[in-house]
Amino acid sequence: MSPAEPSGEAGRYDALDLLATMVAIVGGDGRPLYVNAMLETESGLSRRALLRTSLFDWFVEGAQLRETLTAVLRNEIATGRFDGTLRRNGMSANDLLPVHVIVTQIEQRSDRVLVEMLEIEQQTRQDREERAIGQVQANKELIRNLAHEIKNPLGGIRGAAQLLQMELSPPPGRLKADSPSRGESAGSQGLLSPRELTEYTSVIINEADRLQALVDRLLAPHRRPHVVVDVNIHEVCERVRALILAEFPQGLTVARDYDTSIPEFRGDKEQLIQAVLNIAQNAALALQASIAEGDARIVLRTRVARQVTIGKQRFRLALELHIEDNGPGVPEDIRDRIFYPLVSGREGGSGLGLTLAQTYVQQHLGLIECDSEPGRTVFKIVIPLP
């Protein structure tokens, strides 16, 4: 609030701080009389600093904004809209944010207008998040139903193979009377010997066990009880960092970039460790070539975000945990499907690590996003804070 603004006006606009969009109350000369918290966050300037500037300096299209503001103040139009480019971080010409600008006259006050700025990519991102959340829920139901459908016949197959193996493997020193030996008689009759048949039953049992282990992994998030404790996200990061460095002791740097002011929150610490570890391990495996050359790097970065919308719910504060690596990036053909079960960009990968990570984070009302290009991949975990 500027010094000239009456103190009673401050409370009048306080509710604008709750909005997830950028808002300013502006006088006819373009001087802001009030800016909300989201504009303060997105612009990279403090509220006090913003109030000492001119709205027209914020935009690349300053002249277009001036014309729109003047037309609204003269009642030539009720509302003016245009797509503009907001300068951020000290009105830098290099840090630009595309926004949709809405200029509206404030009721019964002809000397000021309300200017609302919506990040153009925000709606697209929200739609993408809603689709991702819906897809994860659908995947969860599909996995649970499929896993249960597989378990019953799998147990029967394994049990039958075990019984057959017992029949084909008589006690030592005693052969079945009707079983040809492994030599000439078996070959002459075109039949497999008991020993050969036992090898095949062992294959059936081992493969059934492998499928059982896969089913158990698919069902793990739904079986394990949710143990809620006070979680310090940096303890989670340090645990993951230690595990990654123990697995890749040479050629990999795991850097820290922490905001130590982030408060503790209620959550399942072990689930979060597993979620972050799955992402970090994927990053390390993607960095194998760089590890061999000694220049592989992973960064664990924590920040606080304000007025965050996850799905259709808005939160005043949220934790942002970035896991960044300098690897080759996620293959473009699977970039939109990396959180789907059994989708992997690595030969021999199970395709379950990111699916389980997304499930664990969603159980904390959060989500995971990915931004990837060659040389830089960032997985961002967003979790609401109290």
Protein backbone atom coordinates (compact mmCIF):
# COMPACT_ATOMS: atom_id res chain seq x y z
CA MET A 1 0.00 0.00 0.00
CA SER A 2 1.43 3.37 -0.90
CA PRO A 3 1.78 6.05 1.80
CA ALA A 4 -1.00 8.04 0.16
CA GLU A 5 -3.44 5.16 0.39
CA PRO A 6 -5.78 5.45 3.39
CA SER A 7 -5.00 2.83 6.04
CA GLY A 8 -8.61 1.61 5.95
CA GLU A 9 -8.20 0.59 2.29
CA ALA A 10 -5.56 -2.03 3.15
CA GLY A 11 -8.04 -4.45 4.64
CA ARG A 12 -10.35 -3.97 1.70
CA TYR A 13 -7.93 -5.74 -0.65
CA ASP A 14 -6.50 -8.36 1.72
CA ALA A 15 -8.67 -11.09 0.20
CA LEU A 16 -6.76 -10.67 -3.08
CA ASP A 17 -3.78 -12.32 -1.40
CA LEU A 18 -5.74 -15.56 -1.44
CA LEU A 19 -5.99 -15.61 -5.23
CA ALA A 20 -3.82 -17.90 -7.33
CA THR A 21 -3.56 -15.24 -10.04
CA MET A 22 -1.51 -12.01 -10.10
CA VAL A 23 -3.56 -8.91 -9.23
CA ALA A 24 -2.80 -5.20 -8.92
CA ILE A 25 -4.99 -2.20 -8.07
CA VAL A 26 -3.77 0.64 -10.29
CA GLY A 27 -4.43 4.36 -10.46
CA GLY A 28 -5.01 6.30 -13.65
CA ASP A 29 -1.33 7.22 -13.89
CA GLY A 30 -0.29 3.57 -13.90
CA ARG A 31 1.02 3.61 -10.34
CA PRO A 32 0.08 0.47 -8.37
CA LEU A 33 -1.82 1.13 -5.15
CA TYR A 34 -1.89 -2.53 -4.15
CA VAL A 35 -0.33 -5.79 -5.36
CA ASN A 36 -1.21 -9.26 -4.12
CA ALA A 37 1.11 -12.01 -2.86
CA MET A 38 1.06 -13.98 -6.10
CA LEU A 39 2.25 -10.98 -8.12
CA GLU A 40 4.99 -10.42 -5.57
CA THR A 41 6.07 -14.06 -5.95
CA GLU A 42 5.96 -14.20 -9.75
CA SER A 43 7.60 -10.83 -10.33
CA GLY A 44 10.52 -11.61 -8.04
CA LEU A 45 10.18 -8.20 -6.36
CA SER A 46 8.94 -7.25 -2.93
CA ARG A 47 5.59 -5.54 -2.54
CA ARG A 48 7.29 -2.35 -1.40
CA ALA A 49 9.51 -2.32 -4.48
CA LEU A 50 6.55 -2.93 -6.81
CA LEU A 51 4.61 -0.02 -5.34
CA ARG A 52 7.47 2.32 -6.30
CA THR A 53 7.27 1.37 -9.99
CA SER A 54 4.87 2.04 -12.83
CA LEU A 55 2.62 -0.69 -14.16
CA PHE A 56 3.56 0.31 -17.69
CA ASP A 57 7.19 -0.61 -16.96
CA TRP A 58 6.22 -4.17 -16.05
CA PHE A 59 5.17 -5.06 -19.58
CA VAL A 60 6.90 -5.25 -22.91
CA GLU A 61 3.59 -3.97 -24.33
CA GLY A 62 3.47 -0.89 -22.06
CA ALA A 63 1.74 1.27 -24.67
CA GLN A 64 -1.02 -1.29 -25.23
CA LEU A 65 -1.62 -1.53 -21.49
CA ARG A 66 -1.82 2.27 -21.22
CA GLU A 67 -4.44 2.40 -23.99
CA THR A 68 -6.51 -0.36 -22.40
CA LEU A 69 -6.34 1.20 -18.94
CA THR A 70 -7.35 4.61 -20.30
CA ALA A 71 -10.30 3.14 -22.22
CA VAL A 72 -11.57 1.37 -19.09
CA LEU A 73 -11.23 4.50 -16.94
CA ARG A 74 -13.21 6.52 -19.52
CA ASN A 75 -15.99 3.91 -19.53
CA GLU A 76 -15.37 3.29 -23.21
CA ILE A 77 -15.17 -0.42 -22.40
CA ALA A 78 -16.12 -2.33 -19.26
CA THR A 79 -13.24 -4.77 -19.47
CA GLY A 80 -10.13 -4.89 -21.61
CA ARG A 81 -8.17 -8.03 -22.42
CA PHE A 82 -4.95 -8.75 -24.25
CA ASP A 83 -2.03 -11.17 -24.22
CA GLY A 84 1.11 -9.54 -22.93
CA THR A 85 4.60 -10.24 -21.63
CA LEU A 86 5.43 -9.51 -18.00
CA ARG A 87 8.98 -8.59 -17.05
CA ARG A 88 10.22 -10.34 -13.90
CA ASN A 89 13.17 -10.11 -11.51
CA GLY A 90 13.74 -6.39 -11.42
CA MET A 91 11.91 -5.77 -14.67
CA SER A 92 14.56 -7.77 -16.50
CA ALA A 93 14.35 -7.86 -20.27
CA ASN A 94 15.69 -11.42 -20.19
CA ASP A 95 13.21 -12.94 -17.75
CA LEU A 96 9.79 -12.75 -19.39
CA LEU A 97 6.48 -14.40 -18.53
CA PRO A 98 3.65 -14.60 -21.11
CA VAL A 99 0.37 -13.62 -19.43
CA HIS A 100 -3.24 -12.90 -20.31
CA VAL A 101 -4.11 -9.43 -18.95
CA ILE A 102 -7.61 -8.43 -17.82
CA VAL A 103 -8.24 -4.76 -16.97
CA THR A 104 -11.51 -4.10 -15.12
CA GLN A 105 -12.96 -0.95 -13.59
CA ILE A 106 -13.59 -1.15 -9.85
CA GLU A 107 -17.22 -0.54 -8.99
CA GLN A 108 -18.01 3.02 -7.89
CA ARG A 109 -14.39 4.07 -8.24
CA SER A 110 -13.55 5.66 -11.60
CA ASP A 111 -10.00 6.60 -10.64
CA ARG A 112 -8.59 3.10 -10.33
CA VAL A 113 -8.78 -0.26 -12.05
CA LEU A 114 -8.12 -3.87 -11.24
CA VAL A 115 -5.47 -5.52 -13.40
CA GLU A 116 -5.40 -9.32 -13.30
CA MET A 117 -2.62 -11.34 -14.94
CA LEU A 118 -3.05 -15.04 -15.68
CA GLU A 119 -0.03 -17.05 -16.68
CA ILE A 120 -0.87 -18.35 -20.14
CA GLU A 121 0.66 -21.74 -19.42
CA GLN A 122 -1.08 -21.98 -16.05
CA GLN A 123 -4.39 -23.27 -17.37
CA THR A 124 -2.62 -25.72 -19.64
CA ARG A 125 -0.57 -26.93 -16.70
CA GLN A 126 -3.63 -27.30 -14.49
CA ASP A 127 -5.42 -29.29 -17.19
CA ARG A 128 -2.34 -31.49 -17.52
CA GLU A 129 -2.20 -32.01 -13.75
CA GLU A 130 -5.87 -32.97 -13.60
CA ARG A 131 -5.37 -35.46 -16.41
CA ALA A 132 -2.32 -36.87 -14.67
CA ILE A 133 -4.17 -37.28 -11.37
CA GLY A 134 -7.09 -38.95 -13.13
CA GLN A 135 -4.72 -41.22 -15.03
CA VAL A 136 -2.93 -42.26 -11.85
CA GLN A 137 -6.26 -43.13 -10.22
CA ALA A 138 -7.26 -45.17 -13.25
CA ASN A 139 -3.86 -46.88 -13.29
CA LYS A 140 -4.19 -47.67 -9.61
CA GLU A 141 -7.52 -49.41 -10.07
CA LEU A 142 -6.28 -51.21 -13.18
CA ILE A 143 -3.15 -52.44 -11.40
CA ARG A 144 -5.02 -53.64 -8.34
CA ASN A 145 -7.63 -55.52 -10.37
CA LEU A 146 -5.07 -56.97 -12.76
CA ALA A 147 -2.72 -58.02 -9.97
CA HIS A 148 -5.50 -59.83 -8.11
CA GLU A 149 -6.62 -61.54 -11.31
CA ILE A 150 -3.06 -62.73 -11.95
CA LYS A 151 -2.40 -63.95 -8.41
CA ASN A 152 -4.96 -66.76 -8.27
CA PRO A 153 -4.04 -68.65 -11.48
CA LEU A 154 -0.36 -67.95 -10.79
CA GLY A 155 -0.59 -69.77 -7.49
CA GLY A 156 -2.29 -72.68 -9.19
CA ILE A 157 0.36 -72.90 -11.90
CA ARG A 158 3.17 -72.90 -9.36
CA GLY A 159 1.46 -75.48 -7.18
CA ALA A 160 0.86 -77.82 -10.12
CA ALA A 161 4.49 -77.46 -11.24
CA GLN A 162 5.70 -78.30 -7.73
CA LEU A 163 3.53 -81.44 -7.59
CA LEU A 164 4.77 -82.52 -11.01
CA GLN A 165 8.36 -81.93 -9.94
CA MET A 166 7.84 -84.09 -6.87
CA GLU A 167 6.50 -86.90 -9.07
CA LEU A 168 9.45 -86.61 -11.43
CA SER A 169 12.03 -86.54 -8.64
CA PRO A 170 11.80 -89.85 -6.72
CA PRO A 171 13.93 -90.37 -3.61
CA PRO A 172 17.62 -91.08 -4.27
CA GLY A 173 18.42 -94.68 -5.21
CA ARG A 174 14.96 -95.40 -6.55
CA LEU A 175 13.81 -94.86 -10.12
CA LYS A 176 10.25 -94.97 -11.33
CA ALA A 177 9.57 -98.32 -12.94
CA ASP A 178 8.01 -96.78 -16.02
CA SER A 179 10.50 -93.94 -16.39
CA PRO A 180 13.14 -94.39 -19.10
CA SER A 181 16.68 -93.48 -18.13
CA ARG A 182 18.38 -90.42 -19.54
CA GLY A 183 20.26 -92.45 -22.07
CA GLU A 184 19.44 -94.45 -25.08
CA SER A 185 15.93 -95.60 -24.14
CA ALA A 186 14.60 -92.06 -23.69
CA GLY A 187 16.09 -90.88 -26.93
CA SER A 188 14.94 -93.92 -28.83
CA GLN A 189 11.37 -93.41 -27.69
CA GLY A 190 11.46 -89.67 -28.45
CA LEU A 191 10.58 -88.88 -24.83
CA LEU A 192 12.15 -86.52 -22.31
CA SER A 193 13.80 -88.05 -19.30
CA PRO A 194 12.55 -87.27 -15.76
CA ARG A 195 15.63 -85.10 -15.21
CA GLU A 196 14.85 -83.02 -18.28
CA LEU A 197 11.22 -82.70 -17.29
CA THR A 198 12.31 -81.61 -13.81
CA GLU A 199 14.37 -78.83 -15.37
CA TYR A 200 11.27 -77.58 -17.19
CA THR A 201 9.19 -77.64 -14.02
CA SER A 202 11.94 -75.63 -12.30
CA VAL A 203 11.65 -73.04 -15.07
CA ILE A 204 7.88 -72.85 -14.53
CA ILE A 205 8.31 -72.42 -10.76
CA ASN A 206 11.04 -69.77 -11.12
CA GLU A 207 9.04 -67.76 -13.65
CA ALA A 208 5.93 -68.01 -11.48
CA ASP A 209 7.99 -66.67 -8.56
CA ARG A 210 9.24 -63.79 -10.73
CA LEU A 211 5.70 -62.86 -11.71
CA GLN A 212 4.62 -63.13 -8.08
CA ALA A 213 7.37 -60.67 -7.10
CA LEU A 214 6.15 -58.28 -9.83
CA VAL A 215 2.56 -58.54 -8.57
CA ASP A 216 3.74 -57.89 -5.02
CA ARG A 217 5.48 -54.72 -6.18
CA LEU A 218 2.34 -53.58 -7.97
CA LEU A 219 0.27 -54.11 -4.83
CA ALA A 220 2.87 -52.73 -2.41
CA PRO A 221 1.43 -49.17 -2.14
CA HIS A 222 -2.02 -50.56 -1.30
CA ARG A 223 -0.88 -53.15 1.21
CA ARG A 224 1.55 -51.12 3.28
CA PRO A 225 -0.05 -49.15 6.12
CA HIS A 226 0.26 -45.37 5.95
CA VAL A 227 2.52 -44.46 8.92
CA VAL A 228 2.09 -40.74 9.57
CA VAL A 229 4.84 -38.87 11.45
CA ASP A 230 6.41 -35.40 11.43
CA VAL A 231 8.57 -35.29 8.29
CA ASN A 232 11.59 -33.08 7.71
CA ILE A 233 12.08 -33.11 3.95
CA HIS A 234 15.81 -32.52 4.29
CA GLU A 235 16.19 -35.69 6.35
CA VAL A 236 14.48 -37.49 3.47
CA CYS A 237 16.88 -35.88 0.97
CA GLU A 238 19.94 -36.72 3.05
CA ARG A 239 18.88 -40.35 3.35
CA VAL A 240 18.39 -40.60 -0.42
CA ARG A 241 21.68 -38.80 -1.06
CA ALA A 242 23.57 -41.27 1.14
CA LEU A 243 21.97 -44.26 -0.59
CA ILE A 244 22.74 -42.95 -4.08
CA LEU A 245 26.36 -42.14 -3.24
CA ALA A 246 26.79 -45.58 -1.68
CA GLU A 247 25.56 -47.17 -4.91
CA PHE A 248 27.56 -44.82 -7.20
CA PRO A 249 30.62 -43.78 -5.17
CA GLN A 250 32.71 -42.61 -8.15
CA GLY A 251 31.98 -40.14 -10.93
CA LEU A 252 28.68 -38.79 -9.52
CA THR A 253 28.12 -35.60 -7.55
CA VAL A 254 24.88 -35.21 -5.58
CA ALA A 255 24.60 -31.52 -4.71
CA ARG A 256 22.33 -29.91 -2.13
CA ASP A 257 20.39 -26.69 -2.56
CA TYR A 258 18.08 -26.53 0.45
CA ASP A 259 15.73 -23.90 1.83
CA THR A 260 16.17 -24.71 5.50
CA SER A 261 13.16 -22.59 6.50
CA ILE A 262 10.72 -25.21 5.15
CA PRO A 263 8.60 -26.46 8.07
CA GLU A 264 7.96 -30.07 8.98
CA PHE A 265 4.72 -31.62 7.82
CA ARG A 266 2.73 -34.77 8.57
CA GLY A 267 3.44 -37.65 6.24
CA ASP A 268 4.80 -41.14 5.72
CA LYS A 269 8.56 -40.69 5.84
CA GLU A 270 9.43 -44.11 4.43
CA GLN A 271 7.08 -43.68 1.48
CA LEU A 272 8.61 -40.30 0.66
CA ILE A 273 12.13 -41.70 0.91
CA GLN A 274 11.13 -44.46 -1.52
CA ALA A 275 9.52 -41.97 -3.91
CA VAL A 276 12.56 -39.66 -4.00
CA LEU A 277 14.92 -42.64 -4.17
CA ASN A 278 13.10 -44.10 -7.18
CA ILE A 279 13.49 -40.82 -9.07
CA ALA A 280 17.11 -40.31 -8.02
CA GLN A 281 18.05 -43.90 -8.95
CA ASN A 282 16.47 -43.44 -12.38
CA ALA A 283 18.53 -40.27 -12.79
CA ALA A 284 21.74 -42.03 -11.74
CA LEU A 285 21.12 -44.94 -14.12
CA ALA A 286 20.48 -42.47 -16.95
CA LEU A 287 23.85 -40.86 -16.12
CA GLN A 288 25.94 -44.01 -16.60
CA ALA A 289 27.92 -42.53 -19.48
CA SER A 290 28.56 -39.31 -17.56
CA ILE A 291 29.51 -41.28 -14.44
CA ALA A 292 32.15 -43.10 -16.46
CA GLU A 293 33.53 -39.71 -17.55
CA GLY A 294 33.30 -38.33 -14.02
CA ASP A 295 31.00 -35.36 -14.71
CA ALA A 296 27.59 -36.74 -13.68
CA ARG A 297 25.59 -34.45 -11.42
CA ILE A 298 22.30 -34.65 -9.51
CA VAL A 299 20.92 -31.69 -7.57
CA LEU A 300 18.41 -31.99 -4.72
CA ARG A 301 16.71 -28.59 -4.39
CA THR A 302 13.94 -27.56 -1.96
CA ARG A 303 11.78 -24.45 -2.16
CA VAL A 304 8.48 -23.09 -0.82
CA ALA A 305 5.74 -22.23 -3.33
CA ARG A 306 2.73 -20.04 -2.53
CA GLN A 307 -0.88 -20.30 -3.69
CA VAL A 308 -0.41 -23.65 -5.41
CA THR A 309 -3.26 -25.41 -7.17
CA ILE A 310 -3.10 -29.21 -7.30
CA GLY A 311 -5.94 -30.70 -9.29
CA LYS A 312 -8.91 -28.56 -8.28
CA GLN A 313 -7.69 -27.78 -4.77
CA ARG A 314 -5.64 -24.71 -3.86
CA PHE A 315 -3.10 -24.61 -1.05
CA ARG A 316 -1.59 -21.54 0.57
CA LEU A 317 1.88 -23.09 0.86
CA ALA A 318 3.51 -26.10 -0.74
CA LEU A 319 6.87 -27.82 -0.73
CA GLU A 320 8.71 -28.07 -4.03
CA LEU A 321 11.44 -30.70 -4.19
CA HIS A 322 13.42 -30.69 -7.44
CA ILE A 323 15.55 -33.67 -8.46
CA GLU A 324 17.65 -32.36 -11.34
CA ASP A 325 20.27 -34.19 -13.41
CA ASN A 326 22.49 -33.37 -16.37
CA GLY A 327 21.76 -36.60 -18.24
CA PRO A 328 20.52 -37.21 -21.78
CA GLY A 329 16.87 -36.54 -20.88
CA VAL A 330 13.73 -38.64 -21.02
CA PRO A 331 13.17 -40.18 -24.48
CA GLU A 332 10.68 -38.01 -26.34
CA ASP A 333 8.47 -40.91 -27.37
CA ILE A 334 7.65 -41.81 -23.73
CA ARG A 335 7.79 -38.34 -22.16
CA ASP A 336 4.01 -38.15 -21.78
CA ARG A 337 3.75 -41.70 -20.42
CA ILE A 338 6.61 -42.04 -17.96
CA PHE A 339 4.28 -42.33 -14.96
CA TYR A 340 2.27 -45.12 -16.56
CA PRO A 341 2.97 -48.60 -15.19
CA LEU A 342 5.43 -50.81 -17.09
CA VAL A 343 6.68 -47.88 -19.24
CA SER A 344 10.47 -47.60 -19.08
CA GLY A 345 13.06 -45.78 -21.13
CA ARG A 346 15.79 -48.16 -19.97
CA GLU A 347 16.40 -51.64 -21.31
CA GLY A 348 15.60 -54.12 -18.57
CA GLY A 349 13.71 -51.54 -16.49
CA SER A 350 10.51 -52.64 -14.78
CA GLY A 351 8.66 -49.39 -15.46
CA LEU A 352 7.31 -49.33 -11.90
CA GLY A 353 9.63 -46.88 -10.13
CA LEU A 354 7.93 -43.66 -11.25
CA THR A 355 4.46 -45.19 -11.00
CA LEU A 356 5.06 -46.07 -7.36
CA ALA A 357 6.67 -42.68 -6.69
CA GLN A 358 3.63 -40.86 -8.09
CA THR A 359 1.32 -43.08 -6.00
CA TYR A 360 3.25 -42.36 -2.79
CA VAL A 361 3.29 -38.61 -3.45
CA GLN A 362 -0.42 -38.57 -4.30
CA GLN A 363 -1.11 -40.19 -0.95
CA HIS A 364 0.29 -36.93 0.48
CA LEU A 365 -2.12 -34.89 -1.72
CA GLY A 366 0.79 -33.97 -3.98
CA LEU A 367 1.97 -34.68 -7.50
CA ILE A 368 5.13 -35.13 -9.55
CA GLU A 369 5.92 -33.17 -12.71
CA CYS A 370 8.71 -33.70 -15.22
CA ASP A 371 10.51 -31.20 -17.44
CA SER A 372 13.15 -32.80 -19.63
CA GLU A 373 15.49 -31.88 -22.43
CA PRO A 374 18.94 -33.18 -23.39
CA GLY A 375 21.39 -32.12 -20.70
CA ARG A 376 18.77 -31.20 -18.10
CA THR A 377 15.93 -33.20 -16.57
CA VAL A 378 13.96 -31.97 -13.55
CA PHE A 379 11.43 -34.00 -11.60
CA LYS A 380 9.43 -31.70 -9.32
CA ILE A 381 7.61 -33.12 -6.31
CA VAL A 382 4.92 -30.76 -4.97
CA ILE A 383 3.38 -31.49 -1.54
CA PRO A 384 1.05 -29.15 0.41
CA LEU A 385 2.43 -27.66 3.65
CA PRO A 386 0.40 -26.84 6.76
